[in-house]
Amino acid sequence: MKADKKFEACEIVNFAVPSETVAGLSEYGHAGGRFPRPCLHECLDRVLQMYRPQLILACYGMNDGLMQAFDKARFQAYQEGNIRLKKAADAAKAEIVFITPPLFRGGFR
């Protein structure tokens, strides 16, 4: 398969923050109670304006589930966060690829 010419010589930059969420949710006691999970949308517009990416690779979901069993409200916040991310990418004229997060197979609380 031949690579798309516009991405032949690209620079990959990771702007993600550890434990970041696209849903804006955080569990009680995250980081020992020092701070809630960071939310992508708190800095997304600034990053898009400063860096002006052509392509965004987004893999959110593990932190959005808060390491808990499925919950409709959390899933709705996750969906809405991804829709918001897609709209921001479109406004910045950046292509976006959503990558499915791995399954969480840990114990449930």
PDB file of N, CA and C in Angstrom:
ATOM      1  N   MET A   1       0.836  -1.166   0.000  1.00  0.00           N
ATOM      2  CA  MET A   1       0.000   0.000   0.000  1.00  0.00           C
ATOM      3  C   MET A   1       0.890   1.240   0.000  1.00  0.00           C
ATOM      4  N   LYS A   2       0.610   2.163  -0.862  1.00  0.00           N
ATOM      5  CA  LYS A   2       1.411   3.375  -0.984  1.00  0.00           C
ATOM      6  C   LYS A   2       0.901   4.450  -0.017  1.00  0.00           C
ATOM      7  N   ALA A   3       1.834   5.124   0.640  1.00  0.00           N
ATOM      8  CA  ALA A   3       1.487   6.174   1.603  1.00  0.00           C
ATOM      9  C   ALA A   3       0.932   7.401   0.881  1.00  0.00           C
ATOM     10  N   ASP A   4       0.014   8.072   1.529  1.00  0.00           N
ATOM     11  CA  ASP A   4      -0.538   9.324   1.020  1.00  0.00           C
ATOM     12  C   ASP A   4       0.588  10.353   0.996  1.00  0.00           C
ATOM     13  N   LYS A   5       0.803  11.028  -0.118  1.00  0.00           N
ATOM     14  CA  LYS A   5       1.911  11.983  -0.282  1.00  0.00           C
ATOM     15  C   LYS A   5       1.918  13.083   0.778  1.00  0.00           C
ATOM     16  N   LYS A   6       0.736  13.564   1.180  1.00  0.00           N
ATOM     17  CA  LYS A   6       0.714  14.687   2.113  1.00  0.00           C
ATOM     18  C   LYS A   6       1.185  14.303   3.512  1.00  0.00           C
ATOM     19  N   PHE A   7       1.274  13.011   3.821  1.00  0.00           N
ATOM     20  CA  PHE A   7       1.748  12.583   5.138  1.00  0.00           C
ATOM     21  C   PHE A   7       3.090  11.858   5.052  1.00  0.00           C
ATOM     22  N   GLU A   8       3.757  11.933   3.898  1.00  0.00           N
ATOM     23  CA  GLU A   8       5.015  11.229   3.698  1.00  0.00           C
ATOM     24  C   GLU A   8       6.096  11.646   4.700  1.00  0.00           C
ATOM     25  N   ALA A   9       6.307  12.909   4.876  1.00  0.00           N
ATOM     26  CA  ALA A   9       7.331  13.410   5.801  1.00  0.00           C
ATOM     27  C   ALA A   9       6.623  14.167   6.909  1.00  0.00           C
ATOM     28  N   CYS A  10       6.115  13.425   7.873  1.00  0.00           N
ATOM     29  CA  CYS A  10       5.353  14.088   8.924  1.00  0.00           C
ATOM     30  C   CYS A  10       6.072  14.006  10.269  1.00  0.00           C
ATOM     31  N   GLU A  11       5.739  14.939  11.098  1.00  0.00           N
ATOM     32  CA  GLU A  11       6.263  14.988  12.453  1.00  0.00           C
ATOM     33  C   GLU A  11       5.131  14.576  13.389  1.00  0.00           C
ATOM     34  N   ILE A  12       5.400  13.616  14.269  1.00  0.00           N
ATOM     35  CA  ILE A  12       4.399  13.171  15.230  1.00  0.00           C
ATOM     36  C   ILE A  12       4.700  13.830  16.567  1.00  0.00           C
ATOM     37  N   VAL A  13       3.709  14.534  17.094  1.00  0.00           N
ATOM     38  CA  VAL A  13       3.862  15.251  18.357  1.00  0.00           C
ATOM     39  C   VAL A  13       2.757  14.780  19.303  1.00  0.00           C
ATOM     40  N   ASN A  14       3.128  14.370  20.497  1.00  0.00           N
ATOM     41  CA  ASN A  14       2.163  13.893  21.477  1.00  0.00           C
ATOM     42  C   ASN A  14       1.820  15.038  22.429  1.00  0.00           C
ATOM     43  N   PHE A  15       0.582  15.486  22.371  1.00  0.00           N
ATOM     44  CA  PHE A  15       0.119  16.544  23.267  1.00  0.00           C
ATOM     45  C   PHE A  15      -0.732  15.991  24.403  1.00  0.00           C
ATOM     46  N   ALA A  16      -0.870  14.680  24.489  1.00  0.00           N
ATOM     47  CA  ALA A  16      -1.701  14.073  25.529  1.00  0.00           C
ATOM     48  C   ALA A  16      -1.080  14.263  26.904  1.00  0.00           C
ATOM     49  N   VAL A  17      -1.943  14.284  27.895  1.00  0.00           N
ATOM     50  CA  VAL A  17      -1.543  14.433  29.289  1.00  0.00           C
ATOM     51  C   VAL A  17      -1.891  13.124  29.998  1.00  0.00           C
ATOM     52  N   PRO A  18      -1.019  12.599  30.862  1.00  0.00           N
ATOM     53  CA  PRO A  18      -1.350  11.360  31.570  1.00  0.00           C
ATOM     54  C   PRO A  18      -2.692  11.463  32.302  1.00  0.00           C
ATOM     55  N   SER A  19      -3.482  10.444  32.205  1.00  0.00           N
ATOM     56  CA  SER A  19      -4.812  10.277  32.815  1.00  0.00           C
ATOM     57  C   SER A  19      -5.860  11.226  32.231  1.00  0.00           C
ATOM     58  N   GLU A  20      -5.562  11.816  31.067  1.00  0.00           N
ATOM     59  CA  GLU A  20      -6.479  12.758  30.414  1.00  0.00           C
ATOM     60  C   GLU A  20      -7.763  12.061  29.966  1.00  0.00           C
ATOM     61  N   THR A  21      -8.842  12.812  29.941  1.00  0.00           N
ATOM     62  CA  THR A  21     -10.139  12.308  29.513  1.00  0.00           C
ATOM     63  C   THR A  21     -10.742  13.247  28.464  1.00  0.00           C
ATOM     64  N   VAL A  22     -11.508  12.683  27.561  1.00  0.00           N
ATOM     65  CA  VAL A  22     -12.228  13.488  26.573  1.00  0.00           C
ATOM     66  C   VAL A  22     -13.630  13.816  27.097  1.00  0.00           C
ATOM     67  N   ALA A  23     -14.070  13.070  28.110  1.00  0.00           N
ATOM     68  CA  ALA A  23     -15.422  13.231  28.649  1.00  0.00           C
ATOM     69  C   ALA A  23     -15.507  14.300  29.731  1.00  0.00           C
ATOM     70  N   GLY A  24     -14.376  14.686  30.290  1.00  0.00           N
ATOM     71  CA  GLY A  24     -14.391  15.681  31.356  1.00  0.00           C
ATOM     72  C   GLY A  24     -14.790  15.122  32.708  1.00  0.00           C
ATOM     73  N   LEU A  25     -14.764  13.807  32.842  1.00  0.00           N
ATOM     74  CA  LEU A  25     -15.154  13.155  34.089  1.00  0.00           C
ATOM     75  C   LEU A  25     -13.926  12.798  34.920  1.00  0.00           C
ATOM     76  N   SER A  26     -14.129  12.685  36.221  1.00  0.00           N
ATOM     77  CA  SER A  26     -13.067  12.242  37.116  1.00  0.00           C
ATOM     78  C   SER A  26     -13.705  11.538  38.298  1.00  0.00           C
ATOM     79  N   GLU A  27     -13.012  10.572  38.843  1.00  0.00           N
ATOM     80  CA  GLU A  27     -13.525   9.843  39.987  1.00  0.00           C
ATOM     81  C   GLU A  27     -13.033  10.474  41.284  1.00  0.00           C
ATOM     82  N   TYR A  28     -13.787  10.247  42.343  1.00  0.00           N
ATOM     83  CA  TYR A  28     -13.404  10.756  43.657  1.00  0.00           C
ATOM     84  C   TYR A  28     -12.043  10.170  44.031  1.00  0.00           C
ATOM     85  N   GLY A  29     -11.154  11.002  44.512  1.00  0.00           N
ATOM     86  CA  GLY A  29      -9.854  10.538  44.976  1.00  0.00           C
ATOM     87  C   GLY A  29      -8.816  10.316  43.892  1.00  0.00           C
ATOM     88  N   HIS A  30      -9.087  10.757  42.670  1.00  0.00           N
ATOM     89  CA  HIS A  30      -8.091  10.601  41.597  1.00  0.00           C
ATOM     90  C   HIS A  30      -6.780  11.251  42.025  1.00  0.00           C
ATOM     91  N   ALA A  31      -5.677  10.610  41.736  1.00  0.00           N
ATOM     92  CA  ALA A  31      -4.332  11.112  42.078  1.00  0.00           C
ATOM     93  C   ALA A  31      -4.218  11.381  43.577  1.00  0.00           C
ATOM     94  N   GLY A  32      -4.785  10.478  44.346  1.00  0.00           N
ATOM     95  CA  GLY A  32      -4.721  10.637  45.792  1.00  0.00           C
ATOM     96  C   GLY A  32      -5.508  11.842  46.277  1.00  0.00           C
ATOM     97  N   GLY A  33      -6.465  12.293  45.479  1.00  0.00           N
ATOM     98  CA  GLY A  33      -7.274  13.443  45.844  1.00  0.00           C
ATOM     99  C   GLY A  33      -6.602  14.784  45.569  1.00  0.00           C
ATOM    100  N   ARG A  34      -5.416  14.755  44.940  1.00  0.00           N
ATOM    101  CA  ARG A  34      -4.685  16.006  44.688  1.00  0.00           C
ATOM    102  C   ARG A  34      -5.309  16.836  43.568  1.00  0.00           C
ATOM    103  N   PHE A  35      -5.876  16.184  42.555  1.00  0.00           N
ATOM    104  CA  PHE A  35      -6.487  16.911  41.438  1.00  0.00           C
ATOM    105  C   PHE A  35      -7.362  15.949  40.640  1.00  0.00           C
ATOM    106  N   PRO A  36      -8.374  16.469  39.940  1.00  0.00           N
ATOM    107  CA  PRO A  36      -9.196  15.613  39.074  1.00  0.00           C
ATOM    108  C   PRO A  36      -8.436  15.262  37.793  1.00  0.00           C
ATOM    109  N   ARG A  37      -8.967  14.306  37.063  1.00  0.00           N
ATOM    110  CA  ARG A  37      -8.365  13.970  35.768  1.00  0.00           C
ATOM    111  C   ARG A  37      -8.364  15.207  34.867  1.00  0.00           C
ATOM    112  N   PRO A  38      -7.271  15.422  34.131  1.00  0.00           N
ATOM    113  CA  PRO A  38      -7.262  16.540  33.180  1.00  0.00           C
ATOM    114  C   PRO A  38      -8.244  16.261  32.039  1.00  0.00           C
ATOM    115  N   CYS A  39      -8.823  17.304  31.493  1.00  0.00           N
ATOM    116  CA  CYS A  39      -9.775  17.176  30.394  1.00  0.00           C
ATOM    117  C   CYS A  39      -9.163  17.764  29.123  1.00  0.00           C
ATOM    118  N   LEU A  40      -9.210  17.017  28.046  1.00  0.00           N
ATOM    119  CA  LEU A  40      -8.673  17.458  26.758  1.00  0.00           C
ATOM    120  C   LEU A  40      -9.194  18.833  26.370  1.00  0.00           C
ATOM    121  N   HIS A  41     -10.457  19.078  26.603  1.00  0.00           N
ATOM    122  CA  HIS A  41     -11.091  20.292  26.102  1.00  0.00           C
ATOM    123  C   HIS A  41     -10.620  21.558  26.813  1.00  0.00           C
ATOM    124  N   GLU A  42      -9.918  21.410  27.937  1.00  0.00           N
ATOM    125  CA  GLU A  42      -9.385  22.579  28.629  1.00  0.00           C
ATOM    126  C   GLU A  42      -8.238  23.226  27.846  1.00  0.00           C
ATOM    127  N   CYS A  43      -7.563  22.443  27.008  1.00  0.00           N
ATOM    128  CA  CYS A  43      -6.420  22.996  26.271  1.00  0.00           C
ATOM    129  C   CYS A  43      -6.509  22.780  24.757  1.00  0.00           C
ATOM    130  N   LEU A  44      -7.515  22.077  24.287  1.00  0.00           N
ATOM    131  CA  LEU A  44      -7.596  21.694  22.873  1.00  0.00           C
ATOM    132  C   LEU A  44      -7.521  22.889  21.919  1.00  0.00           C
ATOM    133  N   ASP A  45      -8.326  23.903  22.149  1.00  0.00           N
ATOM    134  CA  ASP A  45      -8.332  25.047  21.229  1.00  0.00           C
ATOM    135  C   ASP A  45      -6.961  25.715  21.159  1.00  0.00           C
ATOM    136  N   ARG A  46      -6.295  25.868  22.315  1.00  0.00           N
ATOM    137  CA  ARG A  46      -4.961  26.486  22.323  1.00  0.00           C
ATOM    138  C   ARG A  46      -3.961  25.639  21.533  1.00  0.00           C
ATOM    139  N   VAL A  47      -4.008  24.333  21.715  1.00  0.00           N
ATOM    140  CA  VAL A  47      -3.084  23.443  20.992  1.00  0.00           C
ATOM    141  C   VAL A  47      -3.343  23.513  19.495  1.00  0.00           C
ATOM    142  N   LEU A  48      -4.606  23.472  19.095  1.00  0.00           N
ATOM    143  CA  LEU A  48      -4.935  23.529  17.666  1.00  0.00           C
ATOM    144  C   LEU A  48      -4.510  24.854  17.041  1.00  0.00           C
ATOM    145  N   GLN A  49      -4.683  25.948  17.749  1.00  0.00           N
ATOM    146  CA  GLN A  49      -4.293  27.264  17.215  1.00  0.00           C
ATOM    147  C   GLN A  49      -2.772  27.404  17.137  1.00  0.00           C
ATOM    148  N   MET A  50      -2.068  26.915  18.142  1.00  0.00           N
ATOM    149  CA  MET A  50      -0.611  27.077  18.170  1.00  0.00           C
ATOM    150  C   MET A  50       0.096  26.114  17.223  1.00  0.00           C
ATOM    151  N   TYR A  51      -0.375  24.867  17.170  1.00  0.00           N
ATOM    152  CA  TYR A  51       0.348  23.858  16.392  1.00  0.00           C
ATOM    153  C   TYR A  51      -0.202  23.676  14.976  1.00  0.00           C
ATOM    154  N   ARG A  52      -1.484  23.859  14.783  1.00  0.00           N
ATOM    155  CA  ARG A  52      -2.147  23.696  13.483  1.00  0.00           C
ATOM    156  C   ARG A  52      -1.843  22.340  12.822  1.00  0.00           C
ATOM    157  N   PRO A  53      -2.262  21.252  13.466  1.00  0.00           N
ATOM    158  CA  PRO A  53      -1.980  19.919  12.903  1.00  0.00           C
ATOM    159  C   PRO A  53      -2.789  19.648  11.634  1.00  0.00           C
ATOM    160  N   GLN A  54      -2.243  18.796  10.791  1.00  0.00           N
ATOM    161  CA  GLN A  54      -2.968  18.348   9.605  1.00  0.00           C
ATOM    162  C   GLN A  54      -3.764  17.084   9.908  1.00  0.00           C
ATOM    163  N   LEU A  55      -3.251  16.300  10.858  1.00  0.00           N
ATOM    164  CA  LEU A  55      -3.859  15.021  11.202  1.00  0.00           C
ATOM    165  C   LEU A  55      -3.832  14.855  12.713  1.00  0.00           C
ATOM    166  N   ILE A  56      -4.944  14.421  13.277  1.00  0.00           N
ATOM    167  CA  ILE A  56      -5.044  14.150  14.708  1.00  0.00           C
ATOM    168  C   ILE A  56      -5.364  12.673  14.881  1.00  0.00           C
ATOM    169  N   LEU A  57      -4.589  12.001  15.709  1.00  0.00           N
ATOM    170  CA  LEU A  57      -4.877  10.621  16.093  1.00  0.00           C
ATOM    171  C   LEU A  57      -5.402  10.670  17.519  1.00  0.00           C
ATOM    172  N   ALA A  58      -6.625  10.239  17.727  1.00  0.00           N
ATOM    173  CA  ALA A  58      -7.260  10.340  19.047  1.00  0.00           C
ATOM    174  C   ALA A  58      -7.621   8.947  19.561  1.00  0.00           C
ATOM    175  N   CYS A  59      -7.132   8.626  20.738  1.00  0.00           N
ATOM    176  CA  CYS A  59      -7.449   7.339  21.365  1.00  0.00           C
ATOM    177  C   CYS A  59      -7.868   7.604  22.810  1.00  0.00           C
ATOM    178  N   TYR A  60      -9.135   7.863  22.992  1.00  0.00           N
ATOM    179  CA  TYR A  60      -9.688   8.110  24.320  1.00  0.00           C
ATOM    180  C   TYR A  60     -10.659   7.001  24.662  1.00  0.00           C
ATOM    181  N   GLY A  61     -10.873   6.794  25.949  1.00  0.00           N
ATOM    182  CA  GLY A  61     -11.843   5.786  26.372  1.00  0.00           C
ATOM    183  C   GLY A  61     -11.468   5.095  27.658  1.00  0.00           C
ATOM    184  N   MET A  62     -10.192   4.728  27.786  1.00  0.00           N
ATOM    185  CA  MET A  62      -9.784   4.031  29.017  1.00  0.00           C
ATOM    186  C   MET A  62      -9.986   4.910  30.242  1.00  0.00           C
ATOM    187  N   ASN A  63      -9.546   6.140  30.207  1.00  0.00           N
ATOM    188  CA  ASN A  63      -9.694   7.037  31.348  1.00  0.00           C
ATOM    189  C   ASN A  63     -11.129   7.535  31.481  1.00  0.00           C
ATOM    190  N   ASP A  64     -11.853   7.590  30.391  1.00  0.00           N
ATOM    191  CA  ASP A  64     -13.231   8.069  30.417  1.00  0.00           C
ATOM    192  C   ASP A  64     -14.162   7.113  31.148  1.00  0.00           C
ATOM    193  N   GLY A  65     -13.824   5.846  31.165  1.00  0.00           N
ATOM    194  CA  GLY A  65     -14.617   4.856  31.889  1.00  0.00           C
ATOM    195  C   GLY A  65     -14.345   4.853  33.378  1.00  0.00           C
ATOM    196  N   LEU A  66     -13.314   5.581  33.798  1.00  0.00           N
ATOM    197  CA  LEU A  66     -12.931   5.704  35.202  1.00  0.00           C
ATOM    198  C   LEU A  66     -12.680   4.344  35.859  1.00  0.00           C
ATOM    199  N   MET A  67     -12.245   3.383  35.055  1.00  0.00           N
ATOM    200  CA  MET A  67     -11.907   2.046  35.519  1.00  0.00           C
ATOM    201  C   MET A  67     -13.076   1.396  36.270  1.00  0.00           C
ATOM    202  N   GLN A  68     -14.279   1.643  35.763  1.00  0.00           N
ATOM    203  CA  GLN A  68     -15.489   1.104  36.376  1.00  0.00           C
ATOM    204  C   GLN A  68     -16.323   0.403  35.315  1.00  0.00           C
ATOM    205  N   ALA A  69     -17.329  -0.342  35.762  1.00  0.00           N
ATOM    206  CA  ALA A  69     -18.235  -1.033  34.849  1.00  0.00           C
ATOM    207  C   ALA A  69     -18.970  -0.020  33.972  1.00  0.00           C
ATOM    208  N   PHE A  70     -19.492  -0.495  32.858  1.00  0.00           N
ATOM    209  CA  PHE A  70     -20.205   0.373  31.908  1.00  0.00           C
ATOM    210  C   PHE A  70     -21.315   1.147  32.611  1.00  0.00           C
ATOM    211  N   ASP A  71     -21.444   2.406  32.230  1.00  0.00           N
ATOM    212  CA  ASP A  71     -22.471   3.290  32.770  1.00  0.00           C
ATOM    213  C   ASP A  71     -22.952   4.181  31.633  1.00  0.00           C
ATOM    214  N   LYS A  72     -24.272   4.257  31.429  1.00  0.00           N
ATOM    215  CA  LYS A  72     -24.826   5.037  30.314  1.00  0.00           C
ATOM    216  C   LYS A  72     -24.444   6.511  30.378  1.00  0.00           C
ATOM    217  N   ALA A  73     -24.469   7.107  31.549  1.00  0.00           N
ATOM    218  CA  ALA A  73     -24.152   8.540  31.675  1.00  0.00           C
ATOM    219  C   ALA A  73     -22.690   8.800  31.330  1.00  0.00           C
ATOM    220  N   ARG A  74     -21.775   7.940  31.800  1.00  0.00           N
ATOM    221  CA  ARG A  74     -20.354   8.110  31.458  1.00  0.00           C
ATOM    222  C   ARG A  74     -20.148   7.920  29.970  1.00  0.00           C
ATOM    223  N   PHE A  75     -20.843   6.932  29.385  1.00  0.00           N
ATOM    224  CA  PHE A  75     -20.696   6.683  27.950  1.00  0.00           C
ATOM    225  C   PHE A  75     -21.225   7.863  27.141  1.00  0.00           C
ATOM    226  N   GLN A  76     -22.320   8.463  27.579  1.00  0.00           N
ATOM    227  CA  GLN A  76     -22.854   9.629  26.876  1.00  0.00           C
ATOM    228  C   GLN A  76     -21.863  10.794  26.942  1.00  0.00           C
ATOM    229  N   ALA A  77     -21.239  11.010  28.103  1.00  0.00           N
ATOM    230  CA  ALA A  77     -20.237  12.078  28.231  1.00  0.00           C
ATOM    231  C   ALA A  77     -19.052  11.799  27.313  1.00  0.00           C
ATOM    232  N   TYR A  78     -18.658  10.532  27.190  1.00  0.00           N
ATOM    233  CA  TYR A  78     -17.567  10.118  26.292  1.00  0.00           C
ATOM    234  C   TYR A  78     -17.946  10.414  24.833  1.00  0.00           C
ATOM    235  N   GLN A  79     -19.160  10.045  24.445  1.00  0.00           N
ATOM    236  CA  GLN A  79     -19.616  10.305  23.075  1.00  0.00           C
ATOM    237  C   GLN A  79     -19.632  11.807  22.787  1.00  0.00           C
ATOM    238  N   GLU A  80     -20.197  12.584  23.702  1.00  0.00           N
ATOM    239  CA  GLU A  80     -20.275  14.026  23.507  1.00  0.00           C
ATOM    240  C   GLU A  80     -18.885  14.655  23.452  1.00  0.00           C
ATOM    241  N   GLY A  81     -17.943  14.148  24.246  1.00  0.00           N
ATOM    242  CA  GLY A  81     -16.571  14.653  24.210  1.00  0.00           C
ATOM    243  C   GLY A  81     -15.908  14.391  22.869  1.00  0.00           C
ATOM    244  N   ASN A  82     -16.170  13.209  22.291  1.00  0.00           N
ATOM    245  CA  ASN A  82     -15.597  12.885  20.984  1.00  0.00           C
ATOM    246  C   ASN A  82     -16.249  13.709  19.874  1.00  0.00           C
ATOM    247  N   ILE A  83     -17.531  13.965  19.985  1.00  0.00           N
ATOM    248  CA  ILE A  83     -18.206  14.822  19.003  1.00  0.00           C
ATOM    249  C   ILE A  83     -17.617  16.232  19.069  1.00  0.00           C
ATOM    250  N   ARG A  84     -17.408  16.706  20.266  1.00  0.00           N
ATOM    251  CA  ARG A  84     -16.791  18.033  20.447  1.00  0.00           C
ATOM    252  C   ARG A  84     -15.378  18.075  19.863  1.00  0.00           C
ATOM    253  N   LEU A  85     -14.627  16.995  20.061  1.00  0.00           N
ATOM    254  CA  LEU A  85     -13.273  16.891  19.489  1.00  0.00           C
ATOM    255  C   LEU A  85     -13.344  16.905  17.960  1.00  0.00           C
ATOM    256  N   LYS A  86     -14.276  16.162  17.381  1.00  0.00           N
ATOM    257  CA  LYS A  86     -14.428  16.121  15.926  1.00  0.00           C
ATOM    258  C   LYS A  86     -14.766  17.502  15.367  1.00  0.00           C
ATOM    259  N   LYS A  87     -15.654  18.225  16.046  1.00  0.00           N
ATOM    260  CA  LYS A  87     -16.022  19.572  15.594  1.00  0.00           C
ATOM    261  C   LYS A  87     -14.819  20.514  15.663  1.00  0.00           C
ATOM    262  N   ALA A  88     -14.017  20.386  16.713  1.00  0.00           N
ATOM    263  CA  ALA A  88     -12.818  21.230  16.843  1.00  0.00           C
ATOM    264  C   ALA A  88     -11.812  20.903  15.748  1.00  0.00           C
ATOM    265  N   ALA A  89     -11.639  19.609  15.438  1.00  0.00           N
ATOM    266  CA  ALA A  89     -10.727  19.208  14.366  1.00  0.00           C
ATOM    267  C   ALA A  89     -11.214  19.750  13.029  1.00  0.00           C
ATOM    268  N   ASP A  90     -12.498  19.639  12.773  1.00  0.00           N
ATOM    269  CA  ASP A  90     -13.061  20.160  11.521  1.00  0.00           C
ATOM    270  C   ASP A  90     -12.843  21.668  11.412  1.00  0.00           C
ATOM    271  N   ALA A  91     -13.083  22.384  12.513  1.00  0.00           N
ATOM    272  CA  ALA A  91     -12.903  23.839  12.502  1.00  0.00           C
ATOM    273  C   ALA A  91     -11.445  24.214  12.253  1.00  0.00           C
ATOM    274  N   ALA A  92     -10.530  23.366  12.716  1.00  0.00           N
ATOM    275  CA  ALA A  92      -9.095  23.616  12.512  1.00  0.00           C
ATOM    276  C   ALA A  92      -8.607  23.071  11.172  1.00  0.00           C
ATOM    277  N   LYS A  93      -9.523  22.490  10.389  1.00  0.00           N
ATOM    278  CA  LYS A  93      -9.201  21.908   9.081  1.00  0.00           C
ATOM    279  C   LYS A  93      -8.166  20.786   9.200  1.00  0.00           C
ATOM    280  N   ALA A  94      -8.293  20.000  10.275  1.00  0.00           N
ATOM    281  CA  ALA A  94      -7.404  18.857  10.495  1.00  0.00           C
ATOM    282  C   ALA A  94      -8.202  17.568  10.305  1.00  0.00           C
ATOM    283  N   GLU A  95      -7.594  16.606   9.644  1.00  0.00           N
ATOM    284  CA  GLU A  95      -8.216  15.292   9.564  1.00  0.00           C
ATOM    285  C   GLU A  95      -8.077  14.643  10.928  1.00  0.00           C
ATOM    286  N   ILE A  96      -9.026  13.783  11.281  1.00  0.00           N
ATOM    287  CA  ILE A  96      -8.956  13.106  12.578  1.00  0.00           C
ATOM    288  C   ILE A  96      -9.240  11.622  12.393  1.00  0.00           C
ATOM    289  N   VAL A  97      -8.472  10.801  13.101  1.00  0.00           N
ATOM    290  CA  VAL A  97      -8.663   9.356  13.125  1.00  0.00           C
ATOM    291  C   VAL A  97      -8.932   8.981  14.574  1.00  0.00           C
ATOM    292  N   PHE A  98     -10.081   8.377  14.818  1.00  0.00           N
ATOM    293  CA  PHE A  98     -10.409   7.901  16.162  1.00  0.00           C
ATOM    294  C   PHE A  98      -9.949   6.451  16.273  1.00  0.00           C
ATOM    295  N   ILE A  99      -9.114   6.190  17.256  1.00  0.00           N
ATOM    296  CA  ILE A  99      -8.569   4.858  17.480  1.00  0.00           C
ATOM    297  C   ILE A  99      -9.320   4.230  18.644  1.00  0.00           C
ATOM    298  N   THR A 100      -9.808   3.025  18.442  1.00  0.00           N
ATOM    299  CA  THR A 100     -10.535   2.330  19.493  1.00  0.00           C
ATOM    300  C   THR A 100      -9.601   1.991  20.641  1.00  0.00           C
ATOM    301  N   PRO A 101      -9.985   2.359  21.869  1.00  0.00           N
ATOM    302  CA  PRO A 101      -9.115   2.044  23.005  1.00  0.00           C
ATOM    303  C   PRO A 101      -9.142   0.550  23.300  1.00  0.00           C
ATOM    304  N   PRO A 102      -8.118   0.053  23.983  1.00  0.00           N
ATOM    305  CA  PRO A 102      -8.127  -1.363  24.358  1.00  0.00           C
ATOM    306  C   PRO A 102      -9.228  -1.624  25.384  1.00  0.00           C
ATOM    307  N   LEU A 103      -9.622  -2.874  25.491  1.00  0.00           N
ATOM    308  CA  LEU A 103     -10.630  -3.254  26.482  1.00  0.00           C
ATOM    309  C   LEU A 103     -10.045  -3.179  27.881  1.00  0.00           C
ATOM    310  N   PHE A 104     -10.852  -2.766  28.828  1.00  0.00           N
ATOM    311  CA  PHE A 104     -10.448  -2.784  30.226  1.00  0.00           C
ATOM    312  C   PHE A 104     -10.850  -4.129  30.797  1.00  0.00           C
ATOM    313  N   ARG A 105      -9.881  -4.879  31.265  1.00  0.00           N
ATOM    314  CA  ARG A 105     -10.157  -6.222  31.777  1.00  0.00           C
ATOM    315  C   ARG A 105      -9.854  -6.356  33.275  1.00  0.00           C
ATOM    316  N   GLY A 106      -9.686  -5.224  33.936  1.00  0.00           N
ATOM    317  CA  GLY A 106      -9.386  -5.260  35.367  1.00  0.00           C
ATOM    318  C   GLY A 106     -10.625  -5.539  36.176  1.00  0.00           C
ATOM    319  N   GLY A 107     -10.444  -5.615  37.482  1.00  0.00           N
ATOM    320  CA  GLY A 107     -11.566  -5.851  38.388  1.00  0.00           C
ATOM    321  C   GLY A 107     -12.447  -4.622  38.474  1.00  0.00           C
ATOM    322  N   PHE A 108     -13.677  -4.834  38.766  1.00  0.00           N
ATOM    323  CA  PHE A 108     -14.621  -3.737  38.889  1.00  0.00           C
ATOM    324  C   PHE A 108     -14.878  -3.467  40.360  1.00  0.00           C
ATOM    325  N   ARG A 109     -15.076  -2.210  40.665  1.00  0.00           N
ATOM    326  CA  ARG A 109     -15.336  -1.824  42.054  1.00  0.00           C
ATOM    327  C   ARG A 109     -16.793  -1.954  42.378  1.00  0.00           C
TER     328      ARG A 109
END
